[in-house]
Amino acid sequence: MKTIKKILAALLAGVMAVSLTACGGNGNSSSNASTGSSTSTSGNVDLGGAKITMSGSTSMEKFCSALTESFNADCNAAATAEYTGSGAGIEAVTNGTVDIGNASRALKDDEKSAGIVENIVAIDGIAVVVDTANTVTNLTKDQLISIYKGDVTNWSELGGNDQAIVVIGRESGSGTRSAFEELLEIEDACKYAQEVDSTGGVMAKVASTPGAIGYVSLDVLDDTVTCVNLEGVEATEENIKSGDYFLSRPFVLATKGEISEQSEAVQELFKYIESDKGQEIIQKVGLVVPDKQ
């Protein structure tokens, strides 16, 4: 009888050891088609200060900063991110100079054909913002297209005050700009009064410029600007998930090859994102958790 008890105790210890192999999860395992990883189990893994390098979208800075701070603390890792723009991030992971390329847009066919895998970890809504004195609070898709193509140049044409429209956009290579123009099918047709090289810069420019309009990530919105409805639909998590709000895009942590082919530290990072703690981070920074496939 004592021998049987010893065997059962050893087996139980082995099961517990297996359950403590991933960072900060919820104790339940579930697959995710968008990332190709599984939800982390309970407990923390010590990665011994292993480095993970990321670069890419400036729109993903708030999310990546929160993610790396929490992940590094929980798993004794050294994950870092640089914010160089989506295109530059994909180029860097393709060249092998970083582990992960951050892109605030879907990957292009030529990027995928180069072996880059699109791991969607969150969904971001692109908010259209105007200065707080603007009386226009709703735009149709056609009106938004007309503004950015330069066909409509005064707010009075849209029921607002007699005031020139100042069209603000992101710089060439920005994932936000790429997603915005692609979603509206106005690539290379926009007439910008000014191009700004960061999400925060767009917010500041629109807030301080009478008649200005711009586009930013949903998670950076504050009361310095007014977020207009599109086709009568507010930019909310519910409306983005339902597809009623048409300006939305994926946040991608792109890898060269499948997640299973990456280093242990990178694999643990994706497990961490899929854990309860990782999902909480996504929601706390104003992003939408993608539905499991």
C-alpha atoms as a PDB file:
ATOM      1  CA  MET A   1       0.000   0.000   0.000  1.00  0.00           C
ATOM      2  CA  LYS A   2       2.818   2.432   0.841  1.00  0.00           C
ATOM      3  CA  THR A   3       4.389   1.708  -2.558  1.00  0.00           C
ATOM      4  CA  ILE A   4       1.136   2.522  -4.353  1.00  0.00           C
ATOM      5  CA  LYS A   5       0.830   5.780  -2.399  1.00  0.00           C
ATOM      6  CA  LYS A   6       4.395   6.731  -3.362  1.00  0.00           C
ATOM      7  CA  ILE A   7       3.660   6.053  -7.051  1.00  0.00           C
ATOM      8  CA  LEU A   8       0.460   8.114  -6.937  1.00  0.00           C
ATOM      9  CA  ALA A   9       2.284  10.975  -5.200  1.00  0.00           C
ATOM     10  CA  ALA A  10       5.021  10.942  -7.842  1.00  0.00           C
ATOM     11  CA  LEU A  11       2.480  10.987 -10.643  1.00  0.00           C
ATOM     12  CA  LEU A  12       0.633  13.884  -9.015  1.00  0.00           C
ATOM     13  CA  ALA A  13       3.867  15.840  -8.642  1.00  0.00           C
ATOM     14  CA  GLY A  14       4.640  15.272 -12.300  1.00  0.00           C
ATOM     15  CA  VAL A  15       1.236  16.561 -13.363  1.00  0.00           C
ATOM     16  CA  MET A  16       1.673  19.665 -11.205  1.00  0.00           C
ATOM     17  CA  ALA A  17       5.133  20.305 -12.657  1.00  0.00           C
ATOM     18  CA  VAL A  18       3.727  20.200 -16.194  1.00  0.00           C
ATOM     19  CA  SER A  19       0.997  22.664 -15.212  1.00  0.00           C
ATOM     20  CA  LEU A  20       3.577  25.191 -14.071  1.00  0.00           C
ATOM     21  CA  THR A  21       5.400  25.604 -17.345  1.00  0.00           C
ATOM     22  CA  ALA A  22       3.848  28.771 -18.801  1.00  0.00           C
ATOM     23  CA  CYS A  23       3.523  32.407 -17.789  1.00  0.00           C
ATOM     24  CA  GLY A  24       0.573  33.905 -16.005  1.00  0.00           C
ATOM     25  CA  GLY A  25      -2.341  32.004 -17.540  1.00  0.00           C
ATOM     26  CA  ASN A  26      -5.739  30.799 -16.369  1.00  0.00           C
ATOM     27  CA  GLY A  27      -5.263  27.088 -16.014  1.00  0.00           C
ATOM     28  CA  ASN A  28      -7.298  26.265 -19.119  1.00  0.00           C
ATOM     29  CA  SER A  29      -5.886  25.409 -22.517  1.00  0.00           C
ATOM     30  CA  SER A  30      -7.635  26.514 -25.707  1.00  0.00           C
ATOM     31  CA  SER A  31      -6.447  26.786 -29.284  1.00  0.00           C
ATOM     32  CA  ASN A  32      -6.413  30.031 -31.235  1.00  0.00           C
ATOM     33  CA  ALA A  33      -6.325  29.914 -35.018  1.00  0.00           C
ATOM     34  CA  SER A  34      -5.162  33.505 -35.363  1.00  0.00           C
ATOM     35  CA  THR A  35      -1.964  33.018 -33.343  1.00  0.00           C
ATOM     36  CA  GLY A  36      -1.439  29.299 -33.601  1.00  0.00           C
ATOM     37  CA  SER A  37      -0.703  29.119 -29.876  1.00  0.00           C
ATOM     38  CA  SER A  38      -2.484  27.757 -26.817  1.00  0.00           C
ATOM     39  CA  THR A  39      -3.720  29.490 -23.703  1.00  0.00           C
ATOM     40  CA  SER A  40      -1.043  29.362 -20.997  1.00  0.00           C
ATOM     41  CA  THR A  41      -1.527  27.262 -17.925  1.00  0.00           C
ATOM     42  CA  SER A  42      -1.184  28.589 -14.383  1.00  0.00           C
ATOM     43  CA  GLY A  43       2.187  29.559 -12.960  1.00  0.00           C
ATOM     44  CA  ASN A  44       5.253  31.338 -14.311  1.00  0.00           C
ATOM     45  CA  VAL A  45       8.213  30.151 -16.327  1.00  0.00           C
ATOM     46  CA  ASP A  46      11.622  31.669 -15.670  1.00  0.00           C
ATOM     47  CA  LEU A  47      13.197  32.539 -19.022  1.00  0.00           C
ATOM     48  CA  GLY A  48      16.463  33.600 -17.426  1.00  0.00           C
ATOM     49  CA  GLY A  49      16.455  37.065 -18.961  1.00  0.00           C
ATOM     50  CA  ALA A  50      15.998  35.775 -22.522  1.00  0.00           C
ATOM     51  CA  LYS A  51      15.795  38.570 -25.092  1.00  0.00           C
ATOM     52  CA  ILE A  52      12.949  39.115 -27.546  1.00  0.00           C
ATOM     53  CA  THR A  53      13.259  41.916 -30.081  1.00  0.00           C
ATOM     54  CA  MET A  54      10.285  43.551 -31.777  1.00  0.00           C
ATOM     55  CA  SER A  55       9.934  46.519 -34.086  1.00  0.00           C
ATOM     56  CA  GLY A  56       7.194  48.074 -36.149  1.00  0.00           C
ATOM     57  CA  SER A  57       3.934  49.974 -35.815  1.00  0.00           C
ATOM     58  CA  THR A  58       3.886  53.159 -33.742  1.00  0.00           C
ATOM     59  CA  SER A  59       0.154  52.585 -33.235  1.00  0.00           C
ATOM     60  CA  MET A  60       0.979  49.456 -31.241  1.00  0.00           C
ATOM     61  CA  GLU A  61       3.230  51.247 -28.733  1.00  0.00           C
ATOM     62  CA  LYS A  62       0.670  51.424 -25.934  1.00  0.00           C
ATOM     63  CA  PHE A  63      -0.174  47.728 -26.263  1.00  0.00           C
ATOM     64  CA  CYS A  64       3.414  46.529 -26.662  1.00  0.00           C
ATOM     65  CA  SER A  65       4.654  48.632 -23.747  1.00  0.00           C
ATOM     66  CA  ALA A  66       2.017  47.188 -21.422  1.00  0.00           C
ATOM     67  CA  LEU A  67       2.609  43.668 -22.733  1.00  0.00           C
ATOM     68  CA  THR A  68       6.399  43.660 -22.433  1.00  0.00           C
ATOM     69  CA  GLU A  69       6.380  45.258 -18.983  1.00  0.00           C
ATOM     70  CA  SER A  70       4.033  42.596 -17.622  1.00  0.00           C
ATOM     71  CA  PHE A  71       5.613  39.676 -19.488  1.00  0.00           C
ATOM     72  CA  ASN A  72       9.159  40.619 -18.497  1.00  0.00           C
ATOM     73  CA  ALA A  73       8.192  40.914 -14.836  1.00  0.00           C
ATOM     74  CA  ASP A  74       6.249  37.652 -14.721  1.00  0.00           C
ATOM     75  CA  CYS A  75       8.610  35.526 -16.784  1.00  0.00           C
ATOM     76  CA  ASN A  76      12.050  37.061 -16.148  1.00  0.00           C
ATOM     77  CA  ALA A  77      12.417  37.995 -19.818  1.00  0.00           C
ATOM     78  CA  ALA A  78      13.896  40.945 -21.693  1.00  0.00           C
ATOM     79  CA  ALA A  79      11.352  41.679 -24.436  1.00  0.00           C
ATOM     80  CA  THR A  80      11.789  45.080 -26.077  1.00  0.00           C
ATOM     81  CA  ALA A  81      10.036  46.922 -28.896  1.00  0.00           C
ATOM     82  CA  GLU A  82      11.043  49.754 -31.214  1.00  0.00           C
ATOM     83  CA  TYR A  83       8.448  51.813 -33.058  1.00  0.00           C
ATOM     84  CA  THR A  84       9.600  52.270 -36.628  1.00  0.00           C
ATOM     85  CA  GLY A  85       6.380  51.818 -38.629  1.00  0.00           C
ATOM     86  CA  SER A  86       4.620  48.677 -39.840  1.00  0.00           C
ATOM     87  CA  GLY A  87       6.501  48.404 -43.122  1.00  0.00           C
ATOM     88  CA  ALA A  88       9.865  48.716 -41.417  1.00  0.00           C
ATOM     89  CA  GLY A  89       8.866  46.138 -38.821  1.00  0.00           C
ATOM     90  CA  ILE A  90       7.897  43.561 -41.439  1.00  0.00           C
ATOM     91  CA  GLU A  91      11.120  44.253 -43.320  1.00  0.00           C
ATOM     92  CA  ALA A  92      13.118  43.736 -40.117  1.00  0.00           C
ATOM     93  CA  VAL A  93      11.546  40.373 -39.282  1.00  0.00           C
ATOM     94  CA  THR A  94      11.945  39.293 -42.906  1.00  0.00           C
ATOM     95  CA  ASN A  95      15.661  40.140 -42.759  1.00  0.00           C
ATOM     96  CA  GLY A  96      15.993  38.379 -39.424  1.00  0.00           C
ATOM     97  CA  THR A  97      17.133  41.465 -37.524  1.00  0.00           C
ATOM     98  CA  VAL A  98      14.233  41.163 -35.042  1.00  0.00           C
ATOM     99  CA  ASP A  99      12.215  38.259 -33.681  1.00  0.00           C
ATOM    100  CA  ILE A 100       8.818  39.847 -34.270  1.00  0.00           C
ATOM    101  CA  GLY A 101       7.575  42.481 -36.696  1.00  0.00           C
ATOM    102  CA  ASN A 102       4.660  44.538 -35.371  1.00  0.00           C
ATOM    103  CA  ALA A 103       2.128  45.576 -38.004  1.00  0.00           C
ATOM    104  CA  SER A 104      -1.118  47.458 -37.513  1.00  0.00           C
ATOM    105  CA  ARG A 105      -2.499  46.069 -40.765  1.00  0.00           C
ATOM    106  CA  ALA A 106      -3.009  42.766 -42.511  1.00  0.00           C
ATOM    107  CA  LEU A 107       0.062  41.324 -44.204  1.00  0.00           C
ATOM    108  CA  LYS A 108       0.438  41.689 -47.940  1.00  0.00           C
ATOM    109  CA  ASP A 109       0.620  38.694 -50.250  1.00  0.00           C
ATOM    110  CA  ASP A 110       4.289  39.276 -51.070  1.00  0.00           C
ATOM    111  CA  GLU A 111       5.126  39.428 -47.353  1.00  0.00           C
ATOM    112  CA  LYS A 112       3.354  36.131 -46.733  1.00  0.00           C
ATOM    113  CA  SER A 113       5.085  34.563 -49.726  1.00  0.00           C
ATOM    114  CA  ALA A 114       8.399  35.504 -48.099  1.00  0.00           C
ATOM    115  CA  GLY A 115       7.533  33.197 -45.199  1.00  0.00           C
ATOM    116  CA  ILE A 116       6.140  35.787 -42.813  1.00  0.00           C
ATOM    117  CA  VAL A 117       3.249  34.525 -40.695  1.00  0.00           C
ATOM    118  CA  GLU A 118       0.372  36.818 -39.715  1.00  0.00           C
ATOM    119  CA  ASN A 119      -0.372  36.299 -36.008  1.00  0.00           C
ATOM    120  CA  ILE A 120      -3.388  38.459 -35.142  1.00  0.00           C
ATOM    121  CA  VAL A 121      -3.402  39.220 -31.428  1.00  0.00           C
ATOM    122  CA  ALA A 122      -5.915  42.084 -31.219  1.00  0.00           C
ATOM    123  CA  ILE A 123      -8.240  44.240 -33.287  1.00  0.00           C
ATOM    124  CA  ASP A 124      -7.973  48.010 -33.387  1.00  0.00           C
ATOM    125  CA  GLY A 125     -10.628  50.413 -34.515  1.00  0.00           C
ATOM    126  CA  ILE A 126      -9.449  53.437 -36.483  1.00  0.00           C
ATOM    127  CA  ALA A 127     -11.184  56.492 -35.089  1.00  0.00           C
ATOM    128  CA  VAL A 128     -11.863  59.596 -37.179  1.00  0.00           C
ATOM    129  CA  VAL A 129     -11.324  62.699 -35.074  1.00  0.00           C
ATOM    130  CA  VAL A 130     -12.016  66.418 -35.428  1.00  0.00           C
ATOM    131  CA  ASP A 131     -11.354  69.396 -33.182  1.00  0.00           C
ATOM    132  CA  THR A 132     -13.819  69.804 -30.322  1.00  0.00           C
ATOM    133  CA  ALA A 133     -15.376  72.981 -31.766  1.00  0.00           C
ATOM    134  CA  ASN A 134     -16.523  71.168 -34.908  1.00  0.00           C
ATOM    135  CA  THR A 135     -20.319  70.693 -35.077  1.00  0.00           C
ATOM    136  CA  VAL A 136     -20.162  67.748 -37.505  1.00  0.00           C
ATOM    137  CA  THR A 137     -20.499  64.549 -35.478  1.00  0.00           C
ATOM    138  CA  ASN A 138     -21.322  61.974 -38.170  1.00  0.00           C
ATOM    139  CA  LEU A 139     -19.899  61.194 -41.592  1.00  0.00           C
ATOM    140  CA  THR A 140     -20.900  58.682 -44.220  1.00  0.00           C
ATOM    141  CA  LYS A 141     -18.287  56.556 -45.913  1.00  0.00           C
ATOM    142  CA  ASP A 142     -18.691  58.531 -49.134  1.00  0.00           C
ATOM    143  CA  GLN A 143     -18.286  61.829 -47.296  1.00  0.00           C
ATOM    144  CA  LEU A 144     -15.107  60.608 -45.606  1.00  0.00           C
ATOM    145  CA  ILE A 145     -13.717  59.499 -48.952  1.00  0.00           C
ATOM    146  CA  SER A 146     -14.601  62.865 -50.497  1.00  0.00           C
ATOM    147  CA  ILE A 147     -12.824  64.734 -47.700  1.00  0.00           C
ATOM    148  CA  TYR A 148      -9.599  62.771 -48.050  1.00  0.00           C
ATOM    149  CA  LYS A 149      -9.617  62.913 -51.843  1.00  0.00           C
ATOM    150  CA  GLY A 150     -10.034  66.685 -51.697  1.00  0.00           C
ATOM    151  CA  ASP A 151     -13.461  66.745 -53.363  1.00  0.00           C
ATOM    152  CA  VAL A 152     -15.075  68.314 -50.291  1.00  0.00           C
ATOM    153  CA  THR A 153     -13.039  71.146 -48.796  1.00  0.00           C
ATOM    154  CA  ASN A 154     -15.376  73.041 -46.459  1.00  0.00           C
ATOM    155  CA  TRP A 155     -17.350  71.810 -43.470  1.00  0.00           C
ATOM    156  CA  SER A 156     -20.398  73.774 -44.642  1.00  0.00           C
ATOM    157  CA  GLU A 157     -20.763  71.225 -47.460  1.00  0.00           C
ATOM    158  CA  LEU A 158     -21.396  68.625 -44.746  1.00  0.00           C
ATOM    159  CA  GLY A 159     -23.789  70.628 -42.614  1.00  0.00           C
ATOM    160  CA  GLY A 160     -21.124  72.244 -40.467  1.00  0.00           C
ATOM    161  CA  ASN A 161     -19.730  75.748 -40.137  1.00  0.00           C
ATOM    162  CA  ASP A 162     -18.254  77.700 -43.020  1.00  0.00           C
ATOM    163  CA  GLN A 163     -14.720  76.577 -42.333  1.00  0.00           C
ATOM    164  CA  ALA A 164     -11.987  75.038 -44.457  1.00  0.00           C
ATOM    165  CA  ILE A 165     -11.270  71.361 -43.850  1.00  0.00           C
ATOM    166  CA  VAL A 166      -7.662  70.714 -42.842  1.00  0.00           C
ATOM    167  CA  VAL A 167      -6.867  67.123 -43.782  1.00  0.00           C
ATOM    168  CA  ILE A 168      -4.317  65.488 -41.469  1.00  0.00           C
ATOM    169  CA  GLY A 169      -2.819  62.073 -42.183  1.00  0.00           C
ATOM    170  CA  ARG A 170       0.035  59.780 -41.260  1.00  0.00           C
ATOM    171  CA  GLU A 171       3.343  59.505 -43.091  1.00  0.00           C
ATOM    172  CA  SER A 172       3.976  57.089 -45.943  1.00  0.00           C
ATOM    173  CA  GLY A 173       4.748  53.640 -44.544  1.00  0.00           C
ATOM    174  CA  SER A 174       2.457  54.055 -41.536  1.00  0.00           C
ATOM    175  CA  GLY A 175       0.291  51.021 -40.856  1.00  0.00           C
ATOM    176  CA  THR A 176      -2.566  53.276 -39.779  1.00  0.00           C
ATOM    177  CA  ARG A 177      -2.412  55.188 -43.041  1.00  0.00           C
ATOM    178  CA  SER A 178      -2.143  52.011 -45.078  1.00  0.00           C
ATOM    179  CA  ALA A 179      -5.139  50.438 -43.329  1.00  0.00           C
ATOM    180  CA  PHE A 180      -7.203  53.635 -43.516  1.00  0.00           C
ATOM    181  CA  GLU A 181      -6.584  54.151 -47.229  1.00  0.00           C
ATOM    182  CA  GLU A 182      -7.080  50.481 -48.090  1.00  0.00           C
ATOM    183  CA  LEU A 183     -10.344  50.250 -46.148  1.00  0.00           C
ATOM    184  CA  LEU A 184     -11.650  53.295 -48.021  1.00  0.00           C
ATOM    185  CA  GLU A 185     -10.030  52.215 -51.318  1.00  0.00           C
ATOM    186  CA  ILE A 186      -8.289  55.573 -51.738  1.00  0.00           C
ATOM    187  CA  GLU A 187      -4.659  54.459 -51.891  1.00  0.00           C
ATOM    188  CA  ASP A 188      -2.459  57.140 -53.487  1.00  0.00           C
ATOM    189  CA  ALA A 189      -5.501  59.413 -53.896  1.00  0.00           C
ATOM    190  CA  CYS A 190      -5.424  61.344 -50.614  1.00  0.00           C
ATOM    191  CA  LYS A 191      -4.703  65.057 -50.529  1.00  0.00           C
ATOM    192  CA  TYR A 192      -3.177  65.742 -47.139  1.00  0.00           C
ATOM    193  CA  ALA A 193      -2.597  69.230 -45.820  1.00  0.00           C
ATOM    194  CA  GLN A 194      -0.050  67.733 -43.462  1.00  0.00           C
ATOM    195  CA  GLU A 195       1.457  64.296 -42.809  1.00  0.00           C
ATOM    196  CA  VAL A 196       2.415  63.467 -39.216  1.00  0.00           C
ATOM    197  CA  ASP A 197       4.800  60.701 -38.180  1.00  0.00           C
ATOM    198  CA  SER A 198       3.071  59.418 -35.030  1.00  0.00           C
ATOM    199  CA  THR A 199      -0.363  58.666 -33.623  1.00  0.00           C
ATOM    200  CA  GLY A 200       0.146  61.133 -30.790  1.00  0.00           C
ATOM    201  CA  GLY A 201       1.210  63.767 -33.283  1.00  0.00           C
ATOM    202  CA  VAL A 202      -2.050  63.419 -35.202  1.00  0.00           C
ATOM    203  CA  MET A 203      -4.040  63.807 -31.986  1.00  0.00           C
ATOM    204  CA  ALA A 204      -2.132  66.934 -31.010  1.00  0.00           C
ATOM    205  CA  LYS A 205      -2.386  68.471 -34.501  1.00  0.00           C
ATOM    206  CA  VAL A 206      -6.131  67.880 -34.801  1.00  0.00           C
ATOM    207  CA  ALA A 207      -6.771  69.144 -31.270  1.00  0.00           C
ATOM    208  CA  SER A 208      -4.930  72.395 -31.933  1.00  0.00           C
ATOM    209  CA  THR A 209      -6.056  73.079 -35.515  1.00  0.00           C
ATOM    210  CA  PRO A 210      -9.540  74.540 -36.189  1.00  0.00           C
ATOM    211  CA  GLY A 211     -11.279  72.609 -38.964  1.00  0.00           C
ATOM    212  CA  ALA A 212      -8.855  69.688 -38.812  1.00  0.00           C
ATOM    213  CA  ILE A 213      -9.721  66.037 -39.335  1.00  0.00           C
ATOM    214  CA  GLY A 214      -7.476  63.027 -38.781  1.00  0.00           C
ATOM    215  CA  TYR A 215      -7.443  59.307 -38.046  1.00  0.00           C
ATOM    216  CA  VAL A 216      -5.943  57.532 -35.047  1.00  0.00           C
ATOM    217  CA  SER A 217      -6.036  54.232 -33.182  1.00  0.00           C
ATOM    218  CA  LEU A 218      -9.112  53.744 -31.032  1.00  0.00           C
ATOM    219  CA  ASP A 219      -7.027  53.145 -27.900  1.00  0.00           C
ATOM    220  CA  VAL A 220      -5.515  56.661 -27.816  1.00  0.00           C
ATOM    221  CA  LEU A 221      -8.774  58.623 -27.816  1.00  0.00           C
ATOM    222  CA  ASP A 222      -9.249  61.265 -25.157  1.00  0.00           C
ATOM    223  CA  ASP A 223     -11.326  64.399 -24.635  1.00  0.00           C
ATOM    224  CA  THR A 224      -8.910  66.689 -26.520  1.00  0.00           C
ATOM    225  CA  VAL A 225     -10.693  65.738 -29.761  1.00  0.00           C
ATOM    226  CA  THR A 226     -14.147  64.639 -30.916  1.00  0.00           C
ATOM    227  CA  CYS A 227     -14.547  61.168 -32.381  1.00  0.00           C
ATOM    228  CA  VAL A 228     -17.162  61.294 -35.140  1.00  0.00           C
ATOM    229  CA  ASN A 229     -19.585  58.470 -35.858  1.00  0.00           C
ATOM    230  CA  LEU A 230     -19.332  56.747 -39.231  1.00  0.00           C
ATOM    231  CA  GLU A 231     -22.570  55.877 -41.017  1.00  0.00           C
ATOM    232  CA  GLY A 232     -24.254  56.639 -37.686  1.00  0.00           C
ATOM    233  CA  VAL A 233     -22.162  54.021 -35.881  1.00  0.00           C
ATOM    234  CA  GLU A 234     -19.985  54.840 -32.880  1.00  0.00           C
ATOM    235  CA  ALA A 235     -16.439  53.501 -32.665  1.00  0.00           C
ATOM    236  CA  THR A 236     -16.928  50.967 -29.855  1.00  0.00           C
ATOM    237  CA  GLU A 237     -15.664  47.455 -29.135  1.00  0.00           C
ATOM    238  CA  GLU A 238     -19.104  45.983 -29.686  1.00  0.00           C
ATOM    239  CA  ASN A 239     -19.540  47.691 -33.037  1.00  0.00           C
ATOM    240  CA  ILE A 240     -16.057  46.694 -34.183  1.00  0.00           C
ATOM    241  CA  LYS A 241     -16.580  43.038 -33.249  1.00  0.00           C
ATOM    242  CA  SER A 242     -19.980  42.977 -34.942  1.00  0.00           C
ATOM    243  CA  GLY A 243     -18.547  44.515 -38.100  1.00  0.00           C
ATOM    244  CA  ASP A 244     -20.962  47.464 -37.974  1.00  0.00           C
ATOM    245  CA  TYR A 245     -18.066  49.922 -37.692  1.00  0.00           C
ATOM    246  CA  PHE A 246     -16.191  49.714 -40.970  1.00  0.00           C
ATOM    247  CA  LEU A 247     -12.833  51.239 -40.007  1.00  0.00           C
ATOM    248  CA  SER A 248     -11.080  48.441 -38.129  1.00  0.00           C
ATOM    249  CA  ARG A 249      -7.822  46.543 -38.557  1.00  0.00           C
ATOM    250  CA  PRO A 250      -5.785  43.738 -37.013  1.00  0.00           C
ATOM    251  CA  PHE A 251      -2.800  44.154 -34.726  1.00  0.00           C
ATOM    252  CA  VAL A 252      -0.270  41.603 -35.952  1.00  0.00           C
ATOM    253  CA  LEU A 253       2.829  40.171 -34.285  1.00  0.00           C
ATOM    254  CA  ALA A 254       4.448  38.742 -37.409  1.00  0.00           C
ATOM    255  CA  THR A 255       7.019  35.947 -37.253  1.00  0.00           C
ATOM    256  CA  LYS A 256       9.301  34.411 -39.834  1.00  0.00           C
ATOM    257  CA  GLY A 257       7.791  30.953 -39.854  1.00  0.00           C
ATOM    258  CA  GLU A 258       5.165  29.513 -37.534  1.00  0.00           C
ATOM    259  CA  ILE A 259       5.153  30.292 -33.818  1.00  0.00           C
ATOM    260  CA  SER A 260       6.157  26.700 -33.102  1.00  0.00           C
ATOM    261  CA  GLU A 261       9.381  27.315 -35.032  1.00  0.00           C
ATOM    262  CA  GLN A 262      10.419  30.290 -32.879  1.00  0.00           C
ATOM    263  CA  SER A 263      12.595  30.398 -29.774  1.00  0.00           C
ATOM    264  CA  GLU A 264      11.219  29.235 -26.439  1.00  0.00           C
ATOM    265  CA  ALA A 265      10.953  32.842 -25.268  1.00  0.00           C
ATOM    266  CA  VAL A 266       8.934  33.940 -28.305  1.00  0.00           C
ATOM    267  CA  GLN A 267       6.623  30.952 -27.942  1.00  0.00           C
ATOM    268  CA  GLU A 268       6.100  31.830 -24.282  1.00  0.00           C
ATOM    269  CA  LEU A 269       5.250  35.418 -25.243  1.00  0.00           C
ATOM    270  CA  PHE A 270       2.438  34.205 -27.493  1.00  0.00           C
ATOM    271  CA  LYS A 271       1.208  31.876 -24.754  1.00  0.00           C
ATOM    272  CA  TYR A 272       1.228  34.832 -22.398  1.00  0.00           C
ATOM    273  CA  ILE A 273      -0.886  36.900 -24.792  1.00  0.00           C
ATOM    274  CA  GLU A 274      -3.415  34.068 -24.903  1.00  0.00           C
ATOM    275  CA  SER A 275      -3.553  33.810 -21.106  1.00  0.00           C
ATOM    276  CA  ASP A 276      -6.155  35.607 -18.992  1.00  0.00           C
ATOM    277  CA  LYS A 277      -3.557  38.204 -18.049  1.00  0.00           C
ATOM    278  CA  GLY A 278      -2.634  38.828 -21.667  1.00  0.00           C
ATOM    279  CA  GLN A 279      -6.263  39.182 -22.686  1.00  0.00           C
ATOM    280  CA  GLU A 280      -6.775  41.678 -19.865  1.00  0.00           C
ATOM    281  CA  ILE A 281      -3.884  43.770 -21.185  1.00  0.00           C
ATOM    282  CA  ILE A 282      -5.477  43.881 -24.639  1.00  0.00           C
ATOM    283  CA  GLN A 283      -8.735  45.149 -23.196  1.00  0.00           C
ATOM    284  CA  LYS A 284      -7.135  47.619 -20.772  1.00  0.00           C
ATOM    285  CA  VAL A 285      -5.357  49.458 -23.588  1.00  0.00           C
ATOM    286  CA  GLY A 286      -8.624  49.851 -25.495  1.00  0.00           C
ATOM    287  CA  LEU A 287      -8.228  47.071 -28.048  1.00  0.00           C
ATOM    288  CA  VAL A 288     -10.602  44.278 -28.957  1.00  0.00           C
ATOM    289  CA  VAL A 289      -9.838  40.618 -28.251  1.00  0.00           C
ATOM    290  CA  PRO A 290     -10.341  38.697 -31.515  1.00  0.00           C
ATOM    291  CA  ASP A 291     -12.873  35.892 -31.510  1.00  0.00           C
ATOM    292  CA  LYS A 292     -11.390  32.420 -31.314  1.00  0.00           C
ATOM    293  CA  GLN A 293     -11.572  30.542 -34.584  1.00  0.00           C
END
